[in-house]
Amino acid sequence: MEYDTILDIGKRKRQSNGINEDSLGATTLATGHRDDEREAALFVVADGAGGHQDGDVASYIASNTVLEELSGFLATAERRRPEATAVAMQASITDDAPDGTEIREQLTAAIETAHADILEYASEAKAEPMTTIVVALVYDGFVHFAWVGDSRAYLINSAHDQISLLTRDHSTVEGMRQDGEVDDVEAEVHPDGNQITRALGGNQYDDPQMRPVDVDTGSVPLYQEDKILVTSDGLIDGWTDAPNYHSVLTNATGDEYEEVKEEILEKSVTDDEIRDTVLAADTLEAANEELVTIANERGGKDNISIIIADPGIGGNSPDPLPPRGIDEEETKVSDEETVIMGGEDDADDDAAAESNAGSADATDSPAGEQDGDDADATAEAADGESESGGVGERLGNKVRERLSGDDS
C-alpha cells in the first residue's frame, strides 16, 4: 500500500507569519503468513480552528490520540481473521473478525477520547482549543471513515474517472444547501462559508460527559483502481476572494448570472479539479504537490493538509460503478478560515442513512454503509443553554467578529 502526506502553511498565513494549525497522521500494518500478505491502514487529518486559542494544540491532540487508540485495534483486527490465511485456530483465541458496525464504533470511540483529551487540556490551560477531524481506516477490502467538522474524505477511481465525496461538511452553509436555501454555486461563495457547526474540544468549563461530540461514520468497499484522499478544508478553501463574489452572483440575472457562475467555478478548487489532478499525476507525491500549488495559486487562505493513499486492494471496478459518495452528483467548495457556530446541521439528512448492517465483509452491498446522528442532538446544539450545545451562544459574538477571516 502506497501513500503520501503533505503539510503546507498556506500562502496567506505564510505572508502574515502565521502558523500551521493542521495535524495529520498515517500508519500501515502489513502481515503475512504462508503465501498470503495483507495490509491495513489508518489515515487522520485534523484542522485546528483558526479563530480560537490553541487550535494547533487541539489538532495535535486529536490526530495523535486517534492514532494511538486505533493502531492497537488495527493489529487486533488482523489477528482476529486467521481464516484469511488458512490458519485453523480455536474461536476462543481468535474471536470473530470485526464487522463494519464494530469498526465504526471503534472510530467513534477514538474520536470521543480525543474530544475528552482536548477538553482536559482546555481545563488545565484555561484555553479554548477546537479542531475538526477526518479518519479513514482501510481493512479487509473496505474503507471505514468518521468525521467531525469540514475536513473531508474522497475516493477517486481511475477506471471511471470518478471522484466520490464520502463526508458531508458540518457547516452552516452546507446545512443551507441541504435545505435548499442556496444552490451549489452560491454555497461556494457564501460569506458564512467559514462557519462550522461541529468540532472537537471547547473551553475550560466544558465537561465531556455533559458536552459530548457527535461523530458521523460510514463504510464503503474498495476496488483496485481506487485512491483515498483525506484533506483539511484548506485544499477546497483556496480562493481568497470567494466571499466578495456573493453579492455579485446574487444580484446577477440572465446571461450575466451564467458568466459570474462560470467565473466562480474557474476560480474555485472543485472536486473535479481534485480528481483530474490526482489522476494526471505520475506519483502520489506529485499529486499532493500539485494540489497544494493549486490551492496557493487561488490565494491559499488556510493551512493545507492532504493524505493520498493507493490501497491496491479489492477486485476490479465494476461497470457501472456503484454509488459510494454521500452525494455523488454534487461538487462543493467551502469555508473561509474556520470558526465555530452552534446550530442545526445536516447530520440527519437522508443521504447519510443510518446503517444497521453488521458486516464489512458483506461485499454484496457495494453501496456501503452510512451512519447518521440523532436529530435531537443537533437541535440541542442550537440552544445556548443546553448541556451539549452551549458552544452556539458562547461563541456567537466571537464568530461575528471573525467573519472577516483574520488570522488568530
Protein backbone atom coordinates (compact mmCIF):
# COMPACT_ATOMS: atom_id res chain seq x y z
CA MET A 1 0.00 0.00 0.00
CA GLU A 2 1.40 3.35 -1.03
CA TYR A 3 0.55 6.71 0.49
CA ASP A 4 1.91 10.25 0.60
CA THR A 5 1.33 13.09 3.05
CA ILE A 6 1.82 16.83 2.69
CA LEU A 7 1.50 19.80 5.04
CA ASP A 8 1.62 23.43 3.89
CA ILE A 9 1.02 26.58 5.91
CA GLY A 10 -0.80 28.23 3.01
CA LYS A 11 0.07 31.42 1.15
CA ARG A 12 -1.89 33.84 3.32
CA LYS A 13 -0.51 32.63 6.65
CA ARG A 14 2.97 32.35 5.20
CA GLN A 15 2.84 36.02 4.22
CA SER A 16 1.44 37.08 7.61
CA ASN A 17 3.90 34.97 9.65
CA GLY A 18 1.09 32.74 10.87
CA ILE A 19 1.37 29.13 11.92
CA ASN A 20 0.15 25.80 10.61
CA GLU A 21 -2.66 24.60 12.89
CA ASP A 22 -3.30 21.36 10.97
CA SER A 23 -2.03 17.94 12.02
CA LEU A 24 -2.04 14.62 10.24
CA GLY A 25 -1.05 11.03 10.88
CA ALA A 26 -0.76 7.77 8.99
CA THR A 27 0.16 4.20 9.82
CA THR A 28 0.07 0.95 7.88
CA LEU A 29 0.10 -2.63 9.12
CA ALA A 30 1.48 -5.39 6.93
CA THR A 31 1.08 -9.05 7.90
CA GLY A 32 1.92 -12.25 6.08
CA HIS A 33 1.61 -16.00 6.50
CA ARG A 34 2.46 -18.77 4.07
CA ASP A 35 1.93 -17.21 0.64
CA ASP A 36 -0.54 -14.56 1.74
CA GLU A 37 0.20 -10.92 2.53
CA ARG A 38 -2.33 -8.45 3.89
CA GLU A 39 -2.27 -4.74 4.61
CA ALA A 40 -4.40 -2.43 6.69
CA ALA A 41 -4.00 1.31 7.21
CA LEU A 42 -5.14 4.30 9.19
CA PHE A 43 -5.15 7.93 7.99
CA VAL A 44 -6.04 11.01 10.05
CA VAL A 45 -6.28 14.75 9.29
CA ALA A 46 -7.23 17.35 11.91
CA ASP A 47 -7.69 21.08 11.27
CA GLY A 48 -7.32 23.33 14.32
CA ALA A 49 -9.95 26.07 14.39
CA GLY A 50 -8.03 29.19 13.40
CA GLY A 51 -10.37 31.62 15.11
CA HIS A 52 -9.76 30.05 18.51
CA GLN A 53 -6.95 29.84 21.02
CA ASP A 54 -4.71 26.75 20.74
CA GLY A 55 -6.25 25.28 17.61
CA ASP A 56 -2.85 23.79 16.81
CA VAL A 57 -2.83 22.02 20.17
CA ALA A 58 -6.31 20.66 19.56
CA SER A 59 -5.39 19.21 16.17
CA TYR A 60 -2.18 17.72 17.57
CA ILE A 61 -4.03 16.01 20.42
CA ALA A 62 -6.78 14.79 18.09
CA SER A 63 -4.55 13.23 15.44
CA ASN A 64 -2.19 11.56 17.89
CA THR A 65 -4.92 10.30 20.20
CA VAL A 66 -6.83 8.71 17.34
CA LEU A 67 -3.66 7.06 16.01
CA GLU A 68 -2.86 5.73 19.47
CA GLU A 69 -6.39 4.46 20.10
CA LEU A 70 -6.85 2.76 16.73
CA SER A 71 -3.39 1.36 15.97
CA GLY A 72 -3.79 -1.36 18.58
CA PHE A 73 -7.28 -2.14 17.37
CA LEU A 74 -5.99 -2.49 13.82
CA ALA A 75 -3.41 -5.08 14.91
CA THR A 76 -6.02 -6.98 16.92
CA ALA A 77 -8.41 -6.91 13.97
CA GLU A 78 -5.82 -8.57 11.75
CA ARG A 79 -5.19 -11.29 14.34
CA ARG A 80 -8.91 -11.98 14.51
CA ARG A 81 -9.17 -13.28 10.95
CA PRO A 82 -6.73 -16.20 10.65
CA GLU A 83 -9.06 -17.96 8.19
CA ALA A 84 -7.88 -15.49 5.55
CA THR A 85 -4.53 -17.30 5.56
CA ALA A 86 -5.99 -20.78 6.10
CA VAL A 87 -4.82 -20.95 9.70
CA ALA A 88 -7.05 -23.11 11.92
CA MET A 89 -7.32 -21.77 15.48
CA GLN A 90 -9.74 -22.00 18.34
CA ALA A 91 -12.52 -19.44 18.19
CA SER A 92 -11.86 -18.64 21.85
CA ILE A 93 -8.40 -17.45 20.87
CA THR A 94 -9.13 -15.61 17.65
CA ASP A 95 -12.71 -14.45 18.21
CA ASP A 96 -14.55 -13.19 15.11
CA ALA A 97 -13.11 -10.60 12.77
CA PRO A 98 -14.67 -7.17 13.42
CA ASP A 99 -17.56 -6.22 11.17
CA GLY A 100 -18.42 -2.79 9.85
CA THR A 101 -20.52 -1.91 12.86
CA GLU A 102 -17.75 -2.69 15.33
CA ILE A 103 -15.15 -0.79 13.31
CA ARG A 104 -17.33 2.30 13.08
CA GLU A 105 -17.95 2.10 16.82
CA GLN A 106 -14.19 2.00 17.37
CA LEU A 107 -13.70 5.05 15.14
CA THR A 108 -16.35 6.92 17.11
CA ALA A 109 -14.87 5.90 20.45
CA ALA A 110 -11.38 7.05 19.40
CA ILE A 111 -12.68 10.46 18.34
CA GLU A 112 -14.66 10.77 21.58
CA THR A 113 -11.47 10.03 23.53
CA ALA A 114 -9.66 12.75 21.57
CA HIS A 115 -12.51 15.17 22.37
CA ALA A 116 -12.19 14.40 26.09
CA ASP A 117 -8.40 14.79 25.99
CA ILE A 118 -8.72 18.20 24.32
CA LEU A 119 -11.22 19.35 26.95
CA GLU A 120 -8.85 18.16 29.68
CA TYR A 121 -6.14 20.32 28.15
CA ALA A 122 -8.58 23.24 27.90
CA SER A 123 -9.33 22.95 31.61
CA GLU A 124 -5.66 22.91 32.58
CA ALA A 125 -4.56 25.65 30.15
CA LYS A 126 -7.65 27.85 30.57
CA ALA A 127 -7.89 27.84 26.78
CA GLU A 128 -10.47 27.18 24.06
CA PRO A 129 -8.87 24.61 21.73
CA MET A 130 -11.04 23.24 18.92
CA THR A 131 -10.42 21.16 15.81
CA THR A 132 -12.11 19.24 13.03
CA ILE A 133 -11.10 15.66 12.24
CA VAL A 134 -11.50 13.06 9.50
CA VAL A 135 -10.33 9.46 9.86
CA ALA A 136 -10.10 6.69 7.24
CA LEU A 137 -9.37 3.08 8.22
CA VAL A 138 -8.61 0.53 5.49
CA TYR A 139 -9.37 -3.05 6.44
CA ASP A 140 -10.37 -6.23 4.62
CA GLY A 141 -11.40 -4.61 1.36
CA PHE A 142 -13.30 -1.66 2.82
CA VAL A 143 -12.57 1.90 3.88
CA HIS A 144 -14.33 2.85 7.11
CA PHE A 145 -14.42 6.54 7.91
CA ALA A 146 -15.54 9.03 10.54
CA TRP A 147 -15.55 12.80 10.76
CA VAL A 148 -16.45 15.89 12.74
CA GLY A 149 -16.42 19.30 11.04
CA ASP A 150 -15.50 20.12 7.45
CA SER A 151 -12.36 18.08 6.82
CA ARG A 152 -13.14 15.65 4.03
CA ALA A 153 -12.58 12.14 2.69
CA TYR A 154 -12.81 11.23 -1.01
CA LEU A 155 -12.50 8.18 -3.24
CA ILE A 156 -11.01 8.73 -6.69
CA ASN A 157 -11.49 5.89 -9.17
CA SER A 158 -9.24 5.84 -12.24
CA ALA A 159 -11.28 3.21 -14.12
CA HIS A 160 -14.30 5.51 -14.26
CA ASP A 161 -12.60 8.93 -13.87
CA GLN A 162 -14.85 9.49 -10.87
CA ILE A 163 -14.47 11.27 -7.55
CA SER A 164 -16.84 10.44 -4.68
CA LEU A 165 -17.14 12.65 -1.61
CA LEU A 166 -17.62 10.34 1.37
CA THR A 167 -18.26 13.01 4.00
CA ARG A 168 -20.67 15.92 4.32
CA ASP A 169 -19.40 19.16 5.87
CA HIS A 170 -20.75 20.02 9.29
CA SER A 171 -21.08 23.67 8.34
CA THR A 172 -23.65 26.44 8.27
CA VAL A 173 -23.58 26.80 4.50
CA GLU A 174 -23.78 23.07 3.84
CA GLY A 175 -26.87 22.98 6.05
CA MET A 176 -28.34 25.81 4.00
CA ARG A 177 -27.54 23.96 0.81
CA GLN A 178 -29.19 20.79 2.06
CA ASP A 179 -32.28 22.81 2.98
CA GLY A 180 -32.42 24.35 -0.50
CA GLU A 181 -31.69 27.88 0.75
CA VAL A 182 -28.64 28.21 -1.52
CA ASP A 183 -27.61 26.36 -4.67
CA ASP A 184 -24.23 24.75 -5.28
CA VAL A 185 -22.63 27.85 -6.79
CA GLU A 186 -23.86 30.27 -4.14
CA ALA A 187 -22.64 27.85 -1.45
CA GLU A 188 -19.14 28.18 -2.84
CA VAL A 189 -19.01 31.97 -2.26
CA HIS A 190 -21.37 32.45 0.67
CA PRO A 191 -19.93 34.87 3.29
CA ASP A 192 -20.79 32.39 6.07
CA GLY A 193 -18.65 29.73 4.46
CA ASN A 194 -16.15 29.81 7.34
CA GLN A 195 -18.65 28.66 9.98
CA ILE A 196 -18.67 25.05 11.10
CA THR A 197 -21.34 23.53 13.32
CA ARG A 198 -19.33 20.74 14.95
CA ALA A 199 -15.82 20.44 16.34
CA LEU A 200 -13.79 18.55 18.91
CA GLY A 201 -12.85 20.47 22.05
CA GLY A 202 -14.31 23.52 23.71
CA ASN A 203 -13.40 25.73 26.65
CA GLN A 204 -12.13 25.21 30.19
CA TYR A 205 -15.66 24.89 31.61
CA ASP A 206 -16.83 22.12 29.25
CA ASP A 207 -17.25 18.60 30.62
CA PRO A 208 -17.00 15.82 28.00
CA GLN A 209 -19.77 13.93 29.80
CA MET A 210 -22.06 16.94 29.60
CA ARG A 211 -20.96 18.15 26.16
CA PRO A 212 -20.37 15.05 24.01
CA VAL A 213 -19.32 15.28 20.39
CA ASP A 214 -21.47 13.92 17.56
CA VAL A 215 -19.50 11.74 15.13
CA ASP A 216 -20.68 10.67 11.66
CA THR A 217 -19.36 7.42 10.18
CA GLY A 218 -19.58 5.24 7.09
CA SER A 219 -18.12 2.23 5.27
CA VAL A 220 -17.74 1.57 1.54
CA PRO A 221 -15.97 -1.13 -0.49
CA LEU A 222 -12.67 -0.51 -2.25
CA TYR A 223 -11.63 -1.52 -5.75
CA GLN A 224 -8.20 -1.90 -7.34
CA GLU A 225 -8.46 1.43 -9.16
CA ASP A 226 -9.37 3.49 -6.09
CA LYS A 227 -7.32 6.12 -4.36
CA ILE A 228 -8.27 7.58 -0.98
CA LEU A 229 -7.81 11.31 -0.33
CA VAL A 230 -8.34 12.90 3.08
CA THR A 231 -7.83 16.63 3.49
CA SER A 232 -8.36 19.68 5.60
CA ASP A 233 -10.61 22.37 4.14
CA GLY A 234 -7.57 24.40 3.14
CA LEU A 235 -7.43 22.50 -0.15
CA ILE A 236 -11.00 23.32 -1.14
CA ASP A 237 -10.87 26.71 0.55
CA GLY A 238 -8.07 28.15 -1.55
CA TRP A 239 -9.77 31.07 -3.26
CA THR A 240 -9.22 34.23 -1.21
CA ASP A 241 -11.83 36.45 -2.88
CA ALA A 242 -14.72 33.97 -2.86
CA PRO A 243 -16.96 35.86 -0.37
CA ASN A 244 -16.65 39.05 -2.44
CA TYR A 245 -18.44 37.33 -5.31
CA HIS A 246 -21.55 36.51 -3.29
CA SER A 247 -23.35 39.82 -3.83
CA VAL A 248 -22.24 39.88 -7.48
CA LEU A 249 -23.74 36.44 -8.00
CA THR A 250 -27.00 37.02 -6.14
CA ASN A 251 -27.63 40.34 -7.95
CA ALA A 252 -26.88 38.95 -11.40
CA THR A 253 -29.58 37.73 -13.80
CA GLY A 254 -29.74 36.00 -17.16
CA ASP A 255 -26.52 35.85 -19.15
CA GLU A 256 -24.69 37.86 -16.51
CA TYR A 257 -25.51 35.21 -13.89
CA GLU A 258 -24.14 32.47 -16.13
CA GLU A 259 -20.94 34.46 -16.68
CA VAL A 260 -20.45 35.02 -12.95
CA LYS A 261 -21.20 31.37 -12.24
CA GLU A 262 -18.60 30.27 -14.80
CA GLU A 263 -16.00 32.59 -13.29
CA ILE A 264 -16.70 31.26 -9.78
CA LEU A 265 -16.25 27.67 -10.93
CA GLU A 266 -13.00 28.56 -12.70
CA LYS A 267 -11.54 30.20 -9.60
CA SER A 268 -12.75 27.59 -7.10
CA VAL A 269 -10.89 24.37 -6.28
CA THR A 270 -13.62 21.93 -7.31
CA ASP A 271 -13.91 18.21 -6.74
CA ASP A 272 -13.50 17.64 -10.47
CA GLU A 273 -10.21 19.56 -10.44
CA ILE A 274 -9.01 17.48 -7.49
CA ARG A 275 -9.91 14.31 -9.42
CA ASP A 276 -8.18 15.41 -12.60
CA THR A 277 -5.04 16.47 -10.74
CA VAL A 278 -4.71 13.16 -8.89
CA LEU A 279 -5.37 11.04 -11.97
CA ALA A 280 -2.94 13.03 -14.14
CA ALA A 281 -0.04 12.83 -11.68
CA ASP A 282 2.68 10.22 -12.13
CA THR A 283 3.05 9.68 -8.38
CA LEU A 284 1.10 10.33 -5.20
CA GLU A 285 3.78 12.81 -4.15
CA ALA A 286 3.42 14.72 -7.41
CA ALA A 287 -0.35 14.80 -6.98
CA ASN A 288 -0.05 16.25 -3.47
CA GLU A 289 2.44 18.88 -4.55
CA GLU A 290 0.25 19.97 -7.46
CA LEU A 291 -2.85 20.19 -5.26
CA VAL A 292 -1.01 22.43 -2.79
CA THR A 293 0.21 24.58 -5.67
CA ILE A 294 -3.33 24.97 -7.00
CA ALA A 295 -4.73 25.94 -3.58
CA ASN A 296 -1.99 28.52 -3.07
CA GLU A 297 -2.37 29.95 -6.57
CA ARG A 298 -6.03 30.63 -5.75
CA GLY A 299 -4.96 32.53 -2.66
CA GLY A 300 -4.04 29.88 -0.08
CA LYS A 301 -6.44 31.18 2.59
CA ASP A 302 -5.79 28.42 5.10
CA ASN A 303 -3.40 25.63 6.06
CA ILE A 304 -3.40 22.71 3.63
CA SER A 305 -3.01 19.09 4.77
CA ILE A 306 -3.57 16.13 2.45
CA ILE A 307 -3.06 12.38 2.53
CA ILE A 308 -3.44 10.38 -0.68
CA ALA A 309 -3.34 6.58 -0.48
CA ASP A 310 -3.37 3.87 -3.12
CA PRO A 311 -4.56 0.77 -1.22
CA GLY A 312 -4.31 -1.56 -4.24
CA ILE A 313 -6.86 -3.95 -2.76
CA GLY A 314 -10.23 -5.32 -3.79
CA GLY A 315 -11.42 -6.55 -7.15
CA ASN A 316 -11.60 -4.66 -10.41
CA SER A 317 -14.05 -1.79 -10.52
CA PRO A 318 -17.48 -2.94 -11.74
CA ASP A 319 -19.26 -1.23 -14.60
CA PRO A 320 -21.24 0.72 -13.70
CA LEU A 321 -19.51 1.75 -10.51
CA PRO A 322 -21.97 1.62 -7.61
CA PRO A 323 -22.69 4.89 -5.78
CA ARG A 324 -20.41 5.27 -2.79
CA GLY A 325 -20.30 9.02 -2.20
CA ILE A 326 -22.58 10.69 0.28
CA ASP A 327 -23.89 12.91 -2.51
CA GLU A 328 -22.45 11.69 -5.79
CA GLU A 329 -23.68 14.45 -8.09
CA GLU A 330 -22.52 17.38 -6.01
CA THR A 331 -19.27 19.31 -6.06
CA LYS A 332 -18.79 21.59 -3.08
CA VAL A 333 -16.25 24.26 -2.32
CA SER A 334 -16.45 25.75 1.15
CA ASP A 335 -15.10 27.65 4.06
CA GLU A 336 -13.04 30.66 4.78
CA GLU A 337 -10.83 30.28 7.85
CA THR A 338 -12.66 28.00 10.21
CA VAL A 339 -14.74 29.36 13.07
CA ILE A 340 -17.28 27.53 15.20
CA MET A 341 -21.04 28.09 15.09
CA GLY A 342 -23.75 26.37 17.08
CA GLY A 343 -26.93 25.43 15.28
CA GLU A 344 -28.74 22.73 13.40
CA ASP A 345 -26.63 20.82 10.93
CA ASP A 346 -27.21 18.26 8.28
CA ALA A 347 -26.34 15.11 10.19
CA ASP A 348 -29.82 13.64 9.81
CA ASP A 349 -30.03 14.01 6.05
CA ASP A 350 -31.50 11.01 4.28
CA ALA A 351 -28.34 10.67 2.18
CA ALA A 352 -26.49 9.61 5.33
CA ALA A 353 -28.90 6.85 6.27
CA GLU A 354 -28.20 5.05 9.50
CA SER A 355 -26.63 1.65 8.91
CA ASN A 356 -27.67 -1.46 10.76
CA ALA A 357 -25.60 -3.71 8.54
CA GLY A 358 -23.42 -5.93 10.62
CA SER A 359 -20.53 -6.95 8.42
CA ALA A 360 -17.85 -5.14 6.46
CA ASP A 361 -17.35 -8.45 4.68
CA ALA A 362 -20.76 -8.11 3.02
CA THR A 363 -19.40 -7.28 -0.43
CA ASP A 364 -22.84 -7.93 -1.90
CA SER A 365 -23.79 -4.46 -0.57
CA PRO A 366 -21.49 -2.34 -2.75
CA ALA A 367 -23.16 0.95 -1.94
CA GLY A 368 -21.61 0.78 1.51
CA GLU A 369 -22.88 1.84 4.90
CA GLN A 370 -23.51 5.29 6.35
CA ASP A 371 -24.31 6.22 9.95
CA GLY A 372 -26.12 9.44 10.92
CA ASP A 373 -26.85 11.25 14.19
CA ASP A 374 -29.88 11.84 16.37
CA ALA A 375 -31.91 14.89 15.34
CA ASP A 376 -32.44 15.79 18.98
CA ALA A 377 -28.70 16.19 19.47
CA THR A 378 -28.42 18.62 16.57
CA ALA A 379 -31.44 20.56 17.77
CA GLU A 380 -29.83 20.95 21.18
CA ALA A 381 -26.75 22.38 19.51
CA ALA A 382 -28.83 25.44 18.61
CA ASP A 383 -29.75 26.04 22.25
CA GLY A 384 -27.10 28.06 24.09
CA GLU A 385 -28.36 26.82 27.44
CA SER A 386 -28.30 23.12 26.63
CA GLU A 387 -25.56 20.96 28.07
CA SER A 388 -24.46 19.58 24.71
CA GLY A 389 -24.82 22.72 22.61
CA GLY A 390 -23.62 25.69 24.69
CA VAL A 391 -20.95 26.43 22.10
CA GLY A 392 -23.55 28.30 19.99
CA GLU A 393 -24.44 31.08 22.41
CA ARG A 394 -20.97 31.20 23.91
CA LEU A 395 -19.24 31.83 20.59
CA GLY A 396 -21.91 33.75 18.68
CA ASN A 397 -20.41 37.20 19.20
CA LYS A 398 -16.88 35.95 18.56
CA VAL A 399 -17.96 34.42 15.28
CA ARG A 400 -19.48 37.65 14.03
CA GLU A 401 -16.27 39.47 14.86
CA ARG A 402 -14.20 36.94 12.90
CA LEU A 403 -16.22 36.78 9.71
CA SER A 404 -13.57 38.96 8.08
CA GLY A 405 -11.32 35.87 8.12
CA ASP A 406 -8.50 37.44 10.14
CA ASP A 407 -5.86 35.06 11.44
CA SER A 408 -5.57 34.39 15.12
